[in-house]
Every structure is written in structure tokens, then in C-alpha cells.
Amino acid sequence: MAAKADGVTIRITSGRRSVAKQQRLFDAAVKKYGSYQAATRWVLPPKYSDHVHGKAVDIGPAAAMTWLNKNGWRYGVCRRYDNEPWHFEALSAPGKKCPPREPYAVAKAD
């Protein structure tokens, strides 16, 4: 409601993902970026992905990303990674400051 009052529409472009879908996304990222480690900066394997656990959303458009980045702390919703302005997670209690962002996702090598 607050975003709408500010003239901003927030769209969830991706929310909870199945293990199979996350694996497909990760496999495509490995192909695109050339290695497991490079791919994890953009897509995590299913066992590390908060999308698989239903704890992360990707949003759009750009105005929504900007609005939620500025106001999400009021609702406990925080941008987690510097390199993914579309990715948000419930990382704090509503009204509490968001934790510092991480540069990008990191997963251990399997």
C-alpha cells in the first residue's frame, strides 16, 4: 500500500522456486559464466538458494527496486546483494535496520 501511495507498483518477477527450476537456472549460469564459482555470484545451487526455501523474491520494475531498497526496512524486507538490485529477502524485523549488503552470493563448491 505504501509503495502504491507513492505511485510505485511492485511486481514479483520470481518467488519460490522448485529445486528442479533452481537447478536449471544454476546449470544455465554455469554454462554462461564458465564455472561453478563464477555462476554462484548470480545464481545459487538449489541447496543454498533462499528462493527454494520460499524466503526470497525478485522484483521489478526498476522504480520498485529503488523504492523497496529505500523503504523495505520498514517491513523487514532487505536487498541482500550489491550485484542484484532485484533480489530481496526478509532479513530483519519490521522497523529494524537492514544488515549490510553482501557483494554477491557465495556458495561452497560441491
N, C-alpha and C. Protein backbone atom coordinates (compact mmCIF):
# COMPACT_ATOMS: atom_id res chain seq x y z
N MET A 1 0.80 -1.19 0.00
CA MET A 1 0.00 0.00 0.00
C MET A 1 0.85 1.27 0.00
N ALA A 2 1.93 1.26 0.78
CA ALA A 2 2.78 2.45 0.86
C ALA A 2 3.44 2.74 -0.49
N ALA A 3 3.90 1.69 -1.18
CA ALA A 3 4.51 1.90 -2.49
C ALA A 3 3.48 2.45 -3.46
N LYS A 4 2.29 1.90 -3.44
CA LYS A 4 1.22 2.37 -4.32
C LYS A 4 0.89 3.83 -4.04
N ALA A 5 0.87 4.20 -2.76
CA ALA A 5 0.61 5.59 -2.39
C ALA A 5 1.69 6.52 -2.94
N ASP A 6 2.89 5.99 -3.10
CA ASP A 6 3.99 6.75 -3.69
C ASP A 6 4.04 6.64 -5.21
N GLY A 7 3.03 5.99 -5.79
CA GLY A 7 2.96 5.86 -7.25
C GLY A 7 3.85 4.77 -7.81
N VAL A 8 4.23 3.80 -6.97
CA VAL A 8 5.14 2.73 -7.40
C VAL A 8 4.40 1.39 -7.35
N THR A 9 4.50 0.65 -8.44
CA THR A 9 3.94 -0.70 -8.50
C THR A 9 5.08 -1.69 -8.34
N ILE A 10 4.94 -2.58 -7.37
CA ILE A 10 5.95 -3.63 -7.15
C ILE A 10 5.41 -4.93 -7.73
N ARG A 11 6.17 -5.52 -8.62
CA ARG A 11 5.81 -6.81 -9.21
C ARG A 11 6.83 -7.86 -8.79
N ILE A 12 6.34 -8.98 -8.32
CA ILE A 12 7.23 -10.10 -8.03
C ILE A 12 7.49 -10.82 -9.35
N THR A 13 8.74 -10.83 -9.77
CA THR A 13 9.10 -11.48 -11.03
C THR A 13 9.52 -12.93 -10.82
N SER A 14 9.92 -13.25 -9.58
CA SER A 14 10.26 -14.62 -9.22
C SER A 14 10.20 -14.75 -7.72
N GLY A 15 9.56 -15.79 -7.25
CA GLY A 15 9.45 -16.02 -5.82
C GLY A 15 10.00 -17.39 -5.47
N ARG A 16 9.15 -18.21 -4.86
CA ARG A 16 9.57 -19.56 -4.51
C ARG A 16 9.79 -20.37 -5.78
N ARG A 17 10.90 -21.08 -5.81
CA ARG A 17 11.24 -21.92 -6.97
C ARG A 17 11.40 -23.37 -6.53
N SER A 18 11.04 -24.27 -7.41
CA SER A 18 11.27 -25.68 -7.13
C SER A 18 12.77 -25.97 -7.22
N VAL A 19 13.18 -27.07 -6.62
CA VAL A 19 14.58 -27.49 -6.72
C VAL A 19 14.95 -27.67 -8.19
N ALA A 20 14.06 -28.28 -8.97
CA ALA A 20 14.34 -28.52 -10.39
C ALA A 20 14.54 -27.21 -11.15
N LYS A 21 13.67 -26.23 -10.91
CA LYS A 21 13.81 -24.95 -11.61
C LYS A 21 15.11 -24.25 -11.21
N GLN A 22 15.41 -24.25 -9.91
CA GLN A 22 16.65 -23.62 -9.45
C GLN A 22 17.86 -24.31 -10.07
N GLN A 23 17.81 -25.62 -10.18
CA GLN A 23 18.92 -26.36 -10.79
C GLN A 23 19.08 -25.98 -12.25
N ARG A 24 17.96 -25.85 -12.97
CA ARG A 24 18.04 -25.43 -14.38
C ARG A 24 18.66 -24.04 -14.50
N LEU A 25 18.23 -23.12 -13.63
CA LEU A 25 18.80 -21.77 -13.65
C LEU A 25 20.29 -21.80 -13.34
N PHE A 26 20.66 -22.61 -12.36
CA PHE A 26 22.08 -22.70 -12.00
C PHE A 26 22.91 -23.32 -13.12
N ASP A 27 22.42 -24.39 -13.71
CA ASP A 27 23.14 -25.04 -14.82
C ASP A 27 23.34 -24.06 -15.98
N ALA A 28 22.32 -23.25 -16.27
CA ALA A 28 22.44 -22.25 -17.33
C ALA A 28 23.48 -21.19 -16.96
N ALA A 29 23.53 -20.82 -15.68
CA ALA A 29 24.52 -19.83 -15.24
C ALA A 29 25.94 -20.39 -15.33
N VAL A 30 26.13 -21.65 -15.00
CA VAL A 30 27.46 -22.28 -15.13
C VAL A 30 27.90 -22.23 -16.58
N LYS A 31 26.98 -22.54 -17.47
CA LYS A 31 27.28 -22.50 -18.90
C LYS A 31 27.64 -21.08 -19.34
N LYS A 32 26.86 -20.12 -18.88
CA LYS A 32 27.06 -18.71 -19.26
C LYS A 32 28.35 -18.13 -18.70
N TYR A 33 28.64 -18.40 -17.41
CA TYR A 33 29.78 -17.77 -16.74
C TYR A 33 31.04 -18.62 -16.72
N GLY A 34 30.92 -19.91 -17.12
CA GLY A 34 32.10 -20.73 -17.32
C GLY A 34 32.59 -21.56 -16.15
N SER A 35 32.04 -21.35 -14.95
CA SER A 35 32.46 -22.16 -13.81
C SER A 35 31.41 -22.13 -12.72
N TYR A 36 31.50 -23.11 -11.84
CA TYR A 36 30.62 -23.17 -10.67
C TYR A 36 30.75 -21.89 -9.85
N GLN A 37 31.99 -21.54 -9.53
CA GLN A 37 32.24 -20.38 -8.66
C GLN A 37 31.73 -19.08 -9.28
N ALA A 38 31.98 -18.87 -10.57
CA ALA A 38 31.51 -17.64 -11.22
C ALA A 38 29.99 -17.60 -11.28
N ALA A 39 29.36 -18.73 -11.52
CA ALA A 39 27.90 -18.80 -11.60
C ALA A 39 27.25 -18.44 -10.28
N THR A 40 27.88 -18.84 -9.16
CA THR A 40 27.26 -18.60 -7.86
C THR A 40 27.17 -17.11 -7.50
N ARG A 41 27.86 -16.27 -8.22
CA ARG A 41 27.71 -14.83 -7.98
C ARG A 41 26.34 -14.33 -8.45
N TRP A 42 25.67 -15.12 -9.28
CA TRP A 42 24.39 -14.71 -9.85
C TRP A 42 23.24 -15.67 -9.54
N VAL A 43 23.54 -16.95 -9.44
CA VAL A 43 22.51 -17.97 -9.18
C VAL A 43 23.13 -19.02 -8.26
N LEU A 44 22.43 -19.34 -7.19
CA LEU A 44 22.94 -20.35 -6.28
C LEU A 44 22.38 -21.73 -6.61
N PRO A 45 23.14 -22.78 -6.30
CA PRO A 45 22.58 -24.13 -6.43
C PRO A 45 21.38 -24.27 -5.49
N PRO A 46 20.48 -25.19 -5.80
CA PRO A 46 19.25 -25.30 -5.00
C PRO A 46 19.45 -25.38 -3.49
N LYS A 47 20.44 -26.11 -3.04
CA LYS A 47 20.57 -26.28 -1.59
C LYS A 47 20.99 -24.99 -0.86
N TYR A 48 21.47 -24.00 -1.59
CA TYR A 48 21.88 -22.73 -1.00
C TYR A 48 20.91 -21.58 -1.30
N SER A 49 19.93 -21.82 -2.16
CA SER A 49 19.06 -20.75 -2.62
C SER A 49 17.89 -20.49 -1.68
N ASP A 50 17.74 -19.23 -1.26
CA ASP A 50 16.59 -18.86 -0.45
C ASP A 50 15.31 -18.82 -1.27
N HIS A 51 15.41 -18.80 -2.59
CA HIS A 51 14.21 -18.92 -3.43
C HIS A 51 13.60 -20.30 -3.24
N VAL A 52 14.41 -21.33 -3.16
CA VAL A 52 13.92 -22.70 -2.98
C VAL A 52 13.22 -22.85 -1.64
N HIS A 53 13.69 -22.12 -0.65
CA HIS A 53 13.12 -22.19 0.69
C HIS A 53 11.95 -21.21 0.87
N GLY A 54 11.59 -20.49 -0.20
CA GLY A 54 10.49 -19.54 -0.12
C GLY A 54 10.79 -18.31 0.69
N LYS A 55 12.07 -17.94 0.79
CA LYS A 55 12.47 -16.81 1.62
C LYS A 55 13.02 -15.63 0.83
N ALA A 56 12.90 -15.68 -0.50
CA ALA A 56 13.44 -14.61 -1.34
C ALA A 56 12.49 -14.31 -2.49
N VAL A 57 12.52 -13.07 -2.93
CA VAL A 57 11.76 -12.67 -4.11
C VAL A 57 12.64 -11.78 -4.99
N ASP A 58 12.38 -11.85 -6.26
CA ASP A 58 12.95 -10.92 -7.21
C ASP A 58 11.80 -10.02 -7.65
N ILE A 59 12.07 -8.72 -7.75
CA ILE A 59 11.01 -7.78 -8.07
C ILE A 59 11.38 -6.90 -9.25
N GLY A 60 10.40 -6.23 -9.76
CA GLY A 60 10.56 -5.26 -10.83
C GLY A 60 9.36 -4.33 -10.78
N PRO A 61 9.34 -3.31 -11.57
CA PRO A 61 10.40 -2.76 -12.42
C PRO A 61 11.44 -1.99 -11.60
N ALA A 62 12.29 -1.25 -12.29
CA ALA A 62 13.39 -0.55 -11.63
C ALA A 62 12.91 0.40 -10.54
N ALA A 63 11.80 1.09 -10.77
CA ALA A 63 11.29 2.02 -9.74
C ALA A 63 10.91 1.26 -8.47
N ALA A 64 10.42 0.04 -8.62
CA ALA A 64 10.07 -0.78 -7.46
C ALA A 64 11.32 -1.19 -6.70
N MET A 65 12.37 -1.53 -7.43
CA MET A 65 13.64 -1.90 -6.79
C MET A 65 14.16 -0.73 -5.96
N THR A 66 14.12 0.45 -6.54
CA THR A 66 14.60 1.65 -5.85
C THR A 66 13.76 1.93 -4.61
N TRP A 67 12.44 1.84 -4.77
CA TRP A 67 11.54 2.12 -3.65
C TRP A 67 11.76 1.12 -2.52
N LEU A 68 11.80 -0.18 -2.85
CA LEU A 68 11.94 -1.20 -1.81
C LEU A 68 13.31 -1.14 -1.16
N ASN A 69 14.33 -0.80 -1.93
CA ASN A 69 15.67 -0.65 -1.36
C ASN A 69 15.68 0.46 -0.30
N LYS A 70 14.94 1.51 -0.56
CA LYS A 70 14.88 2.65 0.36
C LYS A 70 13.93 2.40 1.54
N ASN A 71 12.83 1.72 1.30
CA ASN A 71 11.76 1.60 2.30
C ASN A 71 11.52 0.21 2.87
N GLY A 72 12.16 -0.80 2.31
CA GLY A 72 11.90 -2.17 2.72
C GLY A 72 12.16 -2.45 4.18
N TRP A 73 13.13 -1.78 4.78
CA TRP A 73 13.46 -1.99 6.19
C TRP A 73 12.23 -1.80 7.08
N ARG A 74 11.32 -0.94 6.66
CA ARG A 74 10.11 -0.71 7.45
C ARG A 74 9.27 -1.97 7.58
N TYR A 75 9.45 -2.89 6.63
CA TYR A 75 8.67 -4.12 6.57
C TYR A 75 9.53 -5.36 6.80
N GLY A 76 10.80 -5.15 7.13
CA GLY A 76 11.71 -6.27 7.35
C GLY A 76 12.22 -6.89 6.07
N VAL A 77 12.07 -6.19 4.96
CA VAL A 77 12.48 -6.70 3.65
C VAL A 77 13.71 -5.93 3.19
N CYS A 78 14.76 -6.67 2.88
CA CYS A 78 16.04 -6.04 2.58
C CYS A 78 16.63 -6.55 1.28
N ARG A 79 17.32 -5.66 0.60
CA ARG A 79 18.13 -6.08 -0.54
C ARG A 79 19.36 -6.77 0.02
N ARG A 80 19.66 -7.96 -0.49
CA ARG A 80 20.75 -8.74 0.11
C ARG A 80 22.10 -8.54 -0.59
N TYR A 81 22.08 -8.43 -1.93
CA TYR A 81 23.34 -8.42 -2.68
C TYR A 81 23.52 -7.13 -3.47
N ASP A 82 24.75 -6.61 -3.49
CA ASP A 82 25.05 -5.41 -4.28
C ASP A 82 24.78 -5.62 -5.77
N ASN A 83 25.10 -6.82 -6.27
CA ASN A 83 25.01 -7.04 -7.71
C ASN A 83 23.62 -7.46 -8.19
N GLU A 84 22.65 -7.56 -7.28
CA GLU A 84 21.30 -7.97 -7.67
C GLU A 84 20.27 -6.98 -7.09
N PRO A 85 20.05 -5.86 -7.77
CA PRO A 85 19.12 -4.87 -7.23
C PRO A 85 17.67 -5.34 -7.19
N TRP A 86 17.38 -6.48 -7.79
CA TRP A 86 16.03 -7.03 -7.85
C TRP A 86 15.75 -8.05 -6.74
N HIS A 87 16.77 -8.49 -6.01
CA HIS A 87 16.65 -9.60 -5.05
C HIS A 87 16.46 -9.09 -3.63
N PHE A 88 15.35 -9.50 -2.99
CA PHE A 88 15.03 -9.08 -1.64
C PHE A 88 14.67 -10.28 -0.77
N GLU A 89 15.00 -10.15 0.52
CA GLU A 89 14.71 -11.20 1.49
C GLU A 89 14.25 -10.58 2.80
N ALA A 90 13.53 -11.35 3.60
CA ALA A 90 13.13 -10.91 4.93
C ALA A 90 14.33 -11.13 5.85
N LEU A 91 15.13 -10.09 6.04
CA LEU A 91 16.40 -10.21 6.77
C LEU A 91 16.41 -9.49 8.11
N SER A 92 15.35 -8.77 8.42
CA SER A 92 15.30 -8.06 9.70
C SER A 92 13.86 -8.01 10.18
N ALA A 93 13.67 -7.60 11.41
CA ALA A 93 12.32 -7.38 11.93
C ALA A 93 11.81 -6.06 11.35
N PRO A 94 10.51 -5.96 11.09
CA PRO A 94 9.97 -4.69 10.59
C PRO A 94 10.40 -3.52 11.47
N GLY A 95 10.85 -2.45 10.82
CA GLY A 95 11.29 -1.25 11.52
C GLY A 95 12.74 -1.28 11.98
N LYS A 96 13.40 -2.40 11.81
CA LYS A 96 14.81 -2.52 12.19
C LYS A 96 15.68 -2.32 10.95
N LYS A 97 16.86 -1.81 11.16
CA LYS A 97 17.81 -1.57 10.08
C LYS A 97 18.18 -2.88 9.37
N CYS A 98 18.30 -2.83 8.07
CA CYS A 98 18.73 -4.00 7.29
C CYS A 98 20.22 -4.25 7.54
N PRO A 99 20.64 -5.50 7.48
CA PRO A 99 22.07 -5.78 7.62
C PRO A 99 22.83 -5.25 6.40
N PRO A 100 24.13 -5.07 6.52
CA PRO A 100 24.91 -4.62 5.36
C PRO A 100 24.75 -5.60 4.20
N ARG A 101 24.71 -5.07 3.00
CA ARG A 101 24.61 -5.93 1.82
C ARG A 101 25.91 -6.68 1.59
N GLU A 102 25.77 -7.85 1.01
CA GLU A 102 26.91 -8.64 0.58
C GLU A 102 27.22 -8.27 -0.87
N PRO A 103 28.47 -8.35 -1.31
CA PRO A 103 28.79 -8.00 -2.69
C PRO A 103 28.03 -8.88 -3.70
N TYR A 104 27.95 -10.17 -3.40
CA TYR A 104 27.26 -11.15 -4.25
C TYR A 104 27.11 -12.43 -3.46
N ALA A 105 26.31 -13.34 -3.98
CA ALA A 105 26.09 -14.61 -3.30
C ALA A 105 27.35 -15.45 -3.34
N VAL A 106 27.51 -16.29 -2.34
CA VAL A 106 28.65 -17.19 -2.27
C VAL A 106 28.14 -18.57 -1.85
N ALA A 107 28.56 -19.59 -2.56
CA ALA A 107 28.22 -20.96 -2.18
C ALA A 107 29.50 -21.78 -2.16
N LYS A 108 29.52 -22.74 -1.30
CA LYS A 108 30.68 -23.62 -1.23
C LYS A 108 30.68 -24.54 -2.45
N ALA A 109 31.84 -24.92 -2.91
CA ALA A 109 31.94 -25.87 -4.01
C ALA A 109 31.46 -27.23 -3.54
N ASP A 110 30.72 -27.88 -4.39
CA ASP A 110 30.23 -29.23 -4.05
C ASP A 110 31.31 -30.26 -4.27
